[in-house]
Amino acid sequence: MKPNPHYEKIILEHLANNYGKMYHEPASSFRHPYVVPGAGYEDCLWDWDPRFASEALFAVMELTGAEAGVRTRMVEAMKGSVLNLLSFQQPSGALPHSVYLGAENIFPEQISKYDEPNQAKPVIAQFVDLIVSNTGDAGWVKEILPALDKFLAHYDNRYLQSSTGLYLWRSGAVIGVDNDPCTFGRPLMSSASVYLNCLFCREFDAMARLHEKIGSCEKAIEYRTKREKLGEAIRQWQWDRRDRFFYSVDVQCETDRRMPYLNTGLGVFWPCIPLRIRMWTGFMPMWAGAATPEQAADLVSLHLHDREALACDYGLRSLAANEPMYDCRKTSNPSNWLGPVWGITNYLVFRGLLDYGYKAEATELAAQTIDLFGKDIEQNGGMHEYYVPETGKGVMNLGFMNWNCLVANMIRDCPR
């Protein structure tokens, strides 16, 4: 299956006419311009949304021939997103996952009342690295790197499990893939998700490059070492040799010693157990560069085209259709990742396929995504936030831009 030139044209025309809407002027405590997802999210600053939207924006501006002034304006909003978010950093180093205008104090209030909620996802250094690599402007990096070091050190101090070397979510609230059943609704500090740990792999790579930019070679080596150790932990604990798939794991493994005369023999010596729920995140170690070539081959041959599970005509389901939680109904807060197709899931799998040399499979996935968005724009005048895998019907938020714009990267980078 090859990309449809008709839909590519429709998509690029739509993006050219609308990507500027993701720019938002400074407002209230947001002292810098920032990037918004569109479709009802204009008054909120997020973490991974502007990071991936900005990756898309660079491709959109390249493909549509953006004028220099427009590009400068959008880059300022990208940098502003980072600077605005860092302005809300707590003394501990924690960063909020989102900040709403008019409710800027929610994160510190939650910390004081309920203990710390989930903080920002480890994507901020990736965001900075993305801007630097696309503009050549590293003059602002030295000033903000200490804040990023402190942010990641806070993760190490509170959410790194020593026995596995994996990072944990504190809870299932606002993790990005909101109702991932491996984390959502589960006990506190129990879930070491593939998604979170793969984000960390890419974050450590970015931190190493940024420290190299400012001549901090020892810190760069430190982050490269952390990245290698984490990759080993992902391969050791999250790769399932039976199913040949990457799963999130449950770290609630401890021998019950409450009755001293019981459980005195061989106790619990395993630090985690697999949560054998097939989600699109099982492909993320390819995007993160953590999968071995043999593991990548198994993912592609056994799972990429399994239509009873993740595969559909529009790319990949977020949750396998044969899981008991599969449900594609409209929902927000949490948003629905129990099966619907999301633009970002298709893109991250596409990028991993390309990186491991699976050009034909990447081309097919790009073509499916281009058809999905092209038809939606042609029929409805815009893109939706997510889609029903069986029909390709948009579920909610017509006018959503955000990481759906990564389809431009797929158009640009798809092998021809």
Protein backbone atom coordinates (compact mmCIF):
# COMPACT_ATOMS: atom_id res chain seq x y z
CA MET A 1 0.00 0.00 0.00
CA LYS A 2 1.41 3.39 -1.05
CA PRO A 3 0.41 6.87 0.15
CA ASN A 4 -2.44 8.43 -1.80
CA PRO A 5 -1.20 11.66 -3.48
CA HIS A 6 -4.76 13.05 -3.44
CA TYR A 7 -4.97 12.81 0.34
CA GLU A 8 -1.40 14.03 0.80
CA LYS A 9 -2.37 17.20 -1.08
CA ILE A 10 -5.53 17.67 0.98
CA ILE A 11 -3.61 17.21 4.23
CA LEU A 12 -0.82 19.62 3.37
CA GLU A 13 -3.26 22.29 2.22
CA HIS A 14 -5.22 21.89 5.45
CA LEU A 15 -2.08 22.05 7.59
CA ALA A 16 -0.79 25.09 5.70
CA ASN A 17 -4.05 26.93 6.37
CA ASN A 18 -4.38 25.94 10.02
CA TYR A 19 -1.06 25.23 11.76
CA GLY A 20 -0.76 28.88 12.79
CA LYS A 21 -3.72 28.35 15.11
CA MET A 22 -1.44 26.40 17.44
CA TYR A 23 0.42 29.63 18.21
CA HIS A 24 -0.84 31.35 21.35
CA GLU A 25 0.16 34.78 22.61
CA PRO A 26 1.50 35.29 26.15
CA ALA A 27 -1.29 35.49 28.71
CA SER A 28 -1.39 36.04 32.46
CA SER A 29 1.36 33.95 34.09
CA PHE A 30 2.38 32.48 30.72
CA ARG A 31 4.92 35.17 29.95
CA HIS A 32 6.01 33.72 26.64
CA PRO A 33 4.02 32.63 23.57
CA TYR A 34 3.27 28.91 23.54
CA VAL A 35 2.00 26.02 21.43
CA VAL A 36 -1.53 24.69 21.98
CA PRO A 37 -3.17 21.50 20.62
CA GLY A 38 -6.18 23.32 19.18
CA ALA A 39 -9.85 22.29 19.45
CA GLY A 40 -10.69 23.57 22.92
CA TYR A 41 -7.29 23.37 24.61
CA GLU A 42 -6.17 26.97 24.05
CA ASP A 43 -5.82 28.02 27.69
CA CYS A 44 -3.63 25.17 28.87
CA LEU A 45 0.09 24.47 28.73
CA TRP A 46 0.96 20.77 28.42
CA ASP A 47 4.15 18.73 28.40
CA TRP A 48 4.24 16.08 25.66
CA ASP A 49 1.61 17.77 23.45
CA PRO A 50 3.74 20.78 22.39
CA ARG A 51 6.86 18.60 22.22
CA PHE A 52 5.33 16.35 19.52
CA ALA A 53 3.26 19.13 17.94
CA SER A 54 6.49 21.06 17.45
CA GLU A 55 8.18 18.08 15.82
CA ALA A 56 5.28 18.18 13.39
CA LEU A 57 5.42 21.94 12.95
CA PHE A 58 8.99 21.84 11.67
CA ALA A 59 7.95 19.35 8.99
CA VAL A 60 4.79 21.29 8.11
CA MET A 61 6.71 24.55 7.73
CA GLU A 62 9.32 22.80 5.57
CA LEU A 63 6.77 21.15 3.28
CA THR A 64 4.54 24.20 2.92
CA GLY A 65 7.31 26.76 2.44
CA ALA A 66 6.67 28.89 5.51
CA GLU A 67 8.03 32.42 5.36
CA ALA A 68 10.96 33.27 7.62
CA GLY A 69 8.83 35.51 9.82
CA VAL A 70 6.23 32.79 10.36
CA ARG A 71 8.90 30.25 11.21
CA THR A 72 10.48 32.65 13.72
CA ARG A 73 7.10 33.23 15.33
CA MET A 74 6.39 29.50 15.69
CA VAL A 75 9.87 28.74 17.05
CA GLU A 76 9.39 31.45 19.68
CA ALA A 77 6.18 29.71 20.75
CA MET A 78 8.04 26.41 21.00
CA LYS A 79 10.76 27.93 23.17
CA GLY A 80 8.10 29.78 25.12
CA SER A 81 6.31 26.52 25.91
CA VAL A 82 9.48 25.23 27.56
CA LEU A 83 10.21 28.46 29.42
CA ASN A 84 6.63 28.84 30.63
CA LEU A 85 6.59 25.28 31.97
CA LEU A 86 9.95 25.68 33.71
CA SER A 87 8.65 28.80 35.47
CA PHE A 88 6.33 26.50 37.45
CA GLN A 89 9.09 24.18 38.69
CA GLN A 90 8.83 23.34 42.39
CA PRO A 91 11.72 23.49 44.90
CA SER A 92 11.96 19.69 44.70
CA GLY A 93 12.56 19.87 40.97
CA ALA A 94 9.10 18.58 40.07
CA LEU A 95 7.31 20.05 37.06
CA PRO A 96 3.54 19.97 36.50
CA HIS A 97 2.20 17.91 33.61
CA SER A 98 -0.09 20.81 32.71
CA VAL A 99 -0.96 24.31 33.83
CA TYR A 100 -4.34 25.95 33.20
CA LEU A 101 -4.70 29.69 33.04
CA GLY A 102 -6.60 30.80 36.11
CA ALA A 103 -5.57 27.68 38.04
CA GLU A 104 -1.80 28.03 38.12
CA ASN A 105 -1.52 26.95 41.78
CA ILE A 106 -3.22 23.57 41.47
CA PHE A 107 0.03 21.57 41.28
CA PRO A 108 1.63 22.95 44.49
CA GLU A 109 -1.76 22.71 46.23
CA GLN A 110 -2.04 19.06 45.25
CA ILE A 111 1.47 18.44 46.58
CA SER A 112 0.61 19.99 49.94
CA LYS A 113 -2.79 18.28 50.30
CA TYR A 114 -2.44 14.87 48.68
CA ASP A 115 1.27 14.21 48.26
CA GLU A 116 2.77 14.82 44.86
CA PRO A 117 0.66 13.87 41.84
CA ASN A 118 2.24 12.63 38.63
CA GLN A 119 4.60 15.29 37.40
CA ALA A 120 5.51 16.15 33.83
CA LYS A 121 6.50 13.34 31.52
CA PRO A 122 10.21 13.09 30.66
CA VAL A 123 9.96 14.94 27.34
CA ILE A 124 11.23 18.44 28.12
CA ALA A 125 14.87 17.82 27.16
CA GLN A 126 13.64 16.16 23.96
CA PHE A 127 11.66 19.32 23.27
CA VAL A 128 14.69 21.55 23.79
CA ASP A 129 16.89 19.25 21.70
CA LEU A 130 14.30 19.29 18.91
CA ILE A 131 14.34 23.09 18.79
CA VAL A 132 18.14 23.29 18.91
CA SER A 133 18.62 20.68 16.17
CA ASN A 134 16.16 22.43 13.87
CA THR A 135 17.35 26.00 14.46
CA GLY A 136 21.02 25.71 15.42
CA ASP A 137 20.31 28.04 18.35
CA ALA A 138 21.85 26.59 21.51
CA GLY A 139 22.44 29.92 23.21
CA TRP A 140 19.60 29.40 25.68
CA VAL A 141 20.52 25.84 26.68
CA LYS A 142 23.11 26.56 29.36
CA GLU A 143 20.67 28.67 31.35
CA ILE A 144 17.92 26.02 31.52
CA LEU A 145 19.94 22.79 31.81
CA PRO A 146 20.25 22.95 35.63
CA ALA A 147 16.44 22.96 35.86
CA LEU A 148 16.24 19.91 33.59
CA ASP A 149 18.93 18.12 35.62
CA LYS A 150 16.97 18.85 38.79
CA PHE A 151 13.72 17.63 37.22
CA LEU A 152 15.23 14.28 36.23
CA ALA A 153 17.04 13.93 39.56
CA HIS A 154 13.66 14.25 41.26
CA TYR A 155 12.37 11.35 39.18
CA ASP A 156 15.42 9.33 40.25
CA ASN A 157 14.85 10.15 43.91
CA ARG A 158 11.16 9.29 44.02
CA TYR A 159 10.16 7.08 41.11
CA LEU A 160 13.10 4.85 40.19
CA GLN A 161 12.79 1.29 41.49
CA SER A 162 16.25 0.04 42.39
CA SER A 163 15.50 -3.69 42.03
CA THR A 164 14.52 -3.40 38.36
CA GLY A 165 16.08 -0.10 37.32
CA LEU A 166 12.70 0.96 35.90
CA TYR A 167 10.72 4.16 36.50
CA LEU A 168 7.26 4.09 38.06
CA TRP A 169 4.17 6.20 37.73
CA ARG A 170 2.94 7.44 41.08
CA SER A 171 -0.67 6.97 39.95
CA GLY A 172 -2.77 6.51 36.85
CA ALA A 173 -3.85 10.17 36.69
CA VAL A 174 -3.01 12.24 33.60
CA ILE A 175 -0.21 10.07 32.23
CA GLY A 176 -0.85 11.06 28.61
CA VAL A 177 -2.21 7.69 27.52
CA ASP A 178 -4.81 8.40 30.12
CA ASN A 179 -6.71 5.15 30.72
CA ASP A 180 -3.94 2.68 29.91
CA PRO A 181 -5.20 -0.28 32.00
CA CYS A 182 -1.63 -1.15 33.00
CA THR A 183 -1.58 2.06 35.08
CA PHE A 184 -5.06 3.59 35.21
CA GLY A 185 -7.09 2.43 38.21
CA ARG A 186 -4.19 0.51 39.72
CA PRO A 187 -2.48 0.99 43.10
CA LEU A 188 -0.07 3.84 43.66
CA MET A 189 3.57 3.23 42.73
CA SER A 190 2.80 -0.14 41.15
CA SER A 191 3.18 0.44 37.42
CA ALA A 192 6.47 0.52 35.53
CA SER A 193 5.05 1.21 32.09
CA VAL A 194 6.82 0.61 28.80
CA TYR A 195 5.63 4.01 27.65
CA LEU A 196 7.20 5.91 30.58
CA ASN A 197 10.52 4.09 30.41
CA CYS A 198 10.84 4.54 26.66
CA LEU A 199 10.26 8.26 27.09
CA PHE A 200 13.13 8.22 29.57
CA CYS A 201 15.45 6.53 27.06
CA ARG A 202 14.87 9.33 24.58
CA GLU A 203 15.11 11.95 27.33
CA PHE A 204 18.54 10.71 28.44
CA ASP A 205 19.73 10.76 24.83
CA ALA A 206 18.57 14.37 24.54
CA MET A 207 20.18 15.38 27.83
CA ALA A 208 23.50 13.92 26.69
CA ARG A 209 23.39 15.91 23.47
CA LEU A 210 22.43 19.13 25.26
CA HIS A 211 25.26 18.78 27.77
CA GLU A 212 27.66 18.17 24.90
CA LYS A 213 26.44 21.42 23.33
CA ILE A 214 27.63 23.41 26.35
CA GLY A 215 30.85 21.41 26.79
CA SER A 216 29.71 19.46 29.86
CA CYS A 217 31.21 16.16 28.74
CA GLU A 218 31.08 14.39 32.12
CA LYS A 219 27.34 14.99 32.43
CA ALA A 220 26.85 13.82 28.86
CA ILE A 221 28.63 10.55 29.67
CA GLU A 222 26.50 10.21 32.82
CA TYR A 223 23.28 10.46 30.82
CA ARG A 224 24.49 8.06 28.15
CA THR A 225 25.31 5.55 30.88
CA LYS A 226 21.85 5.99 32.41
CA ARG A 227 20.30 5.46 29.01
CA GLU A 228 22.24 2.21 28.45
CA LYS A 229 21.30 0.87 31.87
CA LEU A 230 17.65 1.70 31.33
CA GLY A 231 17.66 0.01 27.91
CA GLU A 232 19.05 -3.12 29.55
CA ALA A 233 16.32 -2.99 32.22
CA ILE A 234 13.60 -2.67 29.57
CA ARG A 235 14.97 -5.68 27.71
CA GLN A 236 15.36 -7.71 30.89
CA TRP A 237 12.08 -7.02 32.65
CA GLN A 238 9.60 -5.76 30.04
CA TRP A 239 10.34 -8.15 27.17
CA ASP A 240 8.09 -11.21 27.45
CA ARG A 241 9.86 -14.27 26.05
CA ARG A 242 6.64 -16.25 25.80
CA ASP A 243 4.61 -13.72 23.78
CA ARG A 244 7.67 -11.96 22.31
CA PHE A 245 6.19 -8.57 23.10
CA PHE A 246 7.05 -5.69 25.43
CA TYR A 247 4.71 -5.32 28.39
CA SER A 248 4.43 -2.93 31.30
CA VAL A 249 5.17 -4.59 34.63
CA ASP A 250 3.70 -4.61 38.13
CA VAL A 251 6.29 -4.07 40.86
CA GLN A 252 4.06 -5.12 43.78
CA CYS A 253 6.09 -8.22 44.56
CA GLU A 254 6.90 -8.89 48.19
CA THR A 255 6.71 -11.89 50.49
CA ASP A 256 4.00 -11.52 53.15
CA ARG A 257 5.80 -11.82 56.51
CA ARG A 258 2.94 -10.73 58.75
CA MET A 259 2.61 -14.24 60.23
CA PRO A 260 6.12 -15.26 61.31
CA TYR A 261 5.45 -19.03 61.02
CA LEU A 262 4.32 -18.73 57.34
CA ASN A 263 6.30 -18.10 54.18
CA THR A 264 9.62 -18.94 55.80
CA GLY A 265 10.86 -20.93 52.80
CA LEU A 266 11.51 -19.73 49.28
CA GLY A 267 9.86 -16.34 49.15
CA VAL A 268 9.25 -13.77 46.43
CA PHE A 269 12.57 -13.22 44.68
CA TRP A 270 11.20 -11.66 41.47
CA PRO A 271 10.96 -7.85 41.52
CA CYS A 272 8.10 -7.55 39.03
CA ILE A 273 5.56 -9.50 37.00
CA PRO A 274 4.38 -8.76 33.45
CA LEU A 275 1.00 -7.15 32.83
CA ARG A 276 0.17 -9.13 29.70
CA ILE A 277 -2.13 -6.54 28.13
CA ARG A 278 -1.29 -5.82 24.51
CA MET A 279 -1.14 -2.11 23.78
CA TRP A 280 0.50 -0.06 21.05
CA THR A 281 3.16 0.83 23.62
CA GLY A 282 4.68 -2.59 23.09
CA PHE A 283 6.24 -1.12 19.94
CA MET A 284 7.72 1.90 21.72
CA PRO A 285 11.09 0.25 22.45
CA MET A 286 11.70 0.42 18.69
CA TRP A 287 11.07 4.19 18.74
CA ALA A 288 13.32 4.46 21.82
CA GLY A 289 16.07 2.33 20.27
CA ALA A 290 15.85 -0.09 23.22
CA ALA A 291 14.74 -3.21 21.31
CA THR A 292 17.29 -5.63 19.91
CA PRO A 293 17.08 -6.38 16.18
CA GLU A 294 15.70 -9.81 17.07
CA GLN A 295 13.02 -8.33 19.32
CA ALA A 296 12.07 -5.83 16.61
CA ALA A 297 11.74 -8.69 14.11
CA ASP A 298 9.37 -10.51 16.47
CA LEU A 299 7.26 -7.37 16.99
CA VAL A 300 6.90 -6.92 13.25
CA SER A 301 6.32 -10.55 12.26
CA LEU A 302 4.03 -11.54 15.14
CA HIS A 303 2.15 -8.40 16.16
CA LEU A 304 2.20 -5.60 13.58
CA HIS A 305 -0.33 -7.27 11.27
CA ASP A 306 -2.40 -9.18 13.83
CA ARG A 307 -5.91 -7.96 12.98
CA GLU A 308 -7.45 -9.79 15.93
CA ALA A 309 -5.37 -7.58 18.19
CA LEU A 310 -3.73 -4.27 17.26
CA ALA A 311 -3.83 -4.01 13.45
CA CYS A 312 -6.68 -2.34 11.57
CA ASP A 313 -7.23 -0.56 8.25
CA TYR A 314 -6.21 2.79 9.78
CA GLY A 315 -2.99 1.79 11.49
CA LEU A 316 -2.78 0.46 15.02
CA ARG A 317 -5.36 0.28 17.75
CA SER A 318 -4.20 1.74 21.05
CA LEU A 319 -5.38 -1.44 22.82
CA ALA A 320 -5.78 -4.87 21.26
CA ALA A 321 -9.33 -5.66 20.14
CA ASN A 322 -9.23 -9.03 21.92
CA GLU A 323 -8.56 -7.49 25.32
CA PRO A 324 -11.58 -7.40 27.69
CA MET A 325 -11.19 -3.64 28.24
CA TYR A 326 -11.49 -2.80 24.53
CA ASP A 327 -13.93 0.11 24.20
CA CYS A 328 -13.93 3.00 21.70
CA ARG A 329 -16.60 5.23 23.19
CA LYS A 330 -16.20 8.98 23.40
CA THR A 331 -14.63 10.11 26.65
CA SER A 332 -12.54 12.99 27.91
CA ASN A 333 -10.75 13.23 31.26
CA PRO A 334 -9.63 10.52 30.87
CA SER A 335 -9.21 10.48 27.13
CA ASN A 336 -9.73 7.07 25.57
CA TRP A 337 -6.75 4.82 24.78
CA LEU A 338 -8.72 1.56 25.11
CA GLY A 339 -8.69 0.88 21.38
CA PRO A 340 -9.14 4.06 19.32
CA VAL A 341 -6.54 4.95 16.71
CA TRP A 342 -4.47 8.01 17.62
CA GLY A 343 -2.24 9.93 15.24
CA ILE A 344 0.69 9.86 17.63
CA THR A 345 0.54 6.08 18.10
CA ASN A 346 0.76 5.55 14.35
CA TYR A 347 3.61 8.04 14.07
CA LEU A 348 5.79 6.63 16.85
CA VAL A 349 5.43 3.10 15.50
CA PHE A 350 6.17 4.42 12.00
CA ARG A 351 9.36 6.07 13.24
CA GLY A 352 10.48 2.91 15.02
CA LEU A 353 9.88 0.83 11.90
CA LEU A 354 12.00 3.20 9.84
CA ASP A 355 14.81 3.22 12.40
CA TYR A 356 15.00 -0.58 12.34
CA GLY A 357 14.90 -0.80 8.56
CA TYR A 358 11.30 -1.92 8.01
CA LYS A 359 10.64 0.43 5.12
CA ALA A 360 7.73 -1.43 3.51
CA GLU A 361 5.88 -1.71 6.81
CA ALA A 362 6.55 1.96 7.59
CA THR A 363 5.22 2.94 4.16
CA GLU A 364 2.04 0.97 4.70
CA LEU A 365 1.44 2.54 8.10
CA ALA A 366 2.05 6.01 6.67
CA ALA A 367 -0.40 5.31 3.84
CA GLN A 368 -3.08 4.17 6.30
CA THR A 369 -2.61 7.30 8.40
CA ILE A 370 -2.70 9.57 5.35
CA ASP A 371 -5.95 7.96 4.21
CA LEU A 372 -7.45 8.34 7.70
CA PHE A 373 -6.71 12.05 8.02
CA GLY A 374 -7.21 12.87 4.34
CA LYS A 375 -10.72 11.41 4.32
CA ASP A 376 -11.59 13.17 7.58
CA ILE A 377 -10.47 16.55 6.23
CA GLU A 378 -12.22 15.96 2.92
CA GLN A 379 -15.52 14.99 4.57
CA ASN A 380 -15.51 17.11 7.73
CA GLY A 381 -13.10 19.99 7.14
CA GLY A 382 -10.65 18.94 9.85
CA MET A 383 -9.18 16.17 11.97
CA HIS A 384 -10.57 14.57 15.12
CA GLU A 385 -8.69 13.70 18.30
CA TYR A 386 -9.03 9.93 17.85
CA TYR A 387 -10.81 7.41 15.63
CA VAL A 388 -12.85 4.19 15.67
CA PRO A 389 -10.59 1.44 14.29
CA GLU A 390 -13.38 -0.47 12.56
CA THR A 391 -14.79 2.49 10.62
CA GLY A 392 -12.22 5.29 10.65
CA LYS A 393 -14.87 7.61 12.08
CA GLY A 394 -13.60 10.52 14.16
CA VAL A 395 -14.72 10.32 17.77
CA MET A 396 -14.39 13.82 19.24
CA ASN A 397 -12.86 17.32 19.01
CA LEU A 398 -13.15 18.15 15.34
CA GLY A 399 -10.45 20.72 14.64
CA PHE A 400 -7.80 18.91 16.69
CA MET A 401 -4.30 19.63 15.37
CA ASN A 402 -1.52 18.81 17.84
CA TRP A 403 0.35 15.57 17.06
CA ASN A 404 -2.06 14.70 14.24
CA CYS A 405 0.15 17.09 12.28
CA LEU A 406 2.90 14.45 12.51
CA VAL A 407 1.27 13.05 9.40
CA ALA A 408 3.39 15.70 7.64
CA ASN A 409 6.53 13.96 8.92
CA MET A 410 5.17 10.69 7.57
CA ILE A 411 4.54 12.31 4.17
CA ARG A 412 8.06 13.77 4.15
CA ASP A 413 9.93 10.72 5.45
CA CYS A 414 7.95 7.85 3.95
CA PRO A 415 10.17 5.72 1.66
CA ARG A 416 9.03 6.12 -1.95
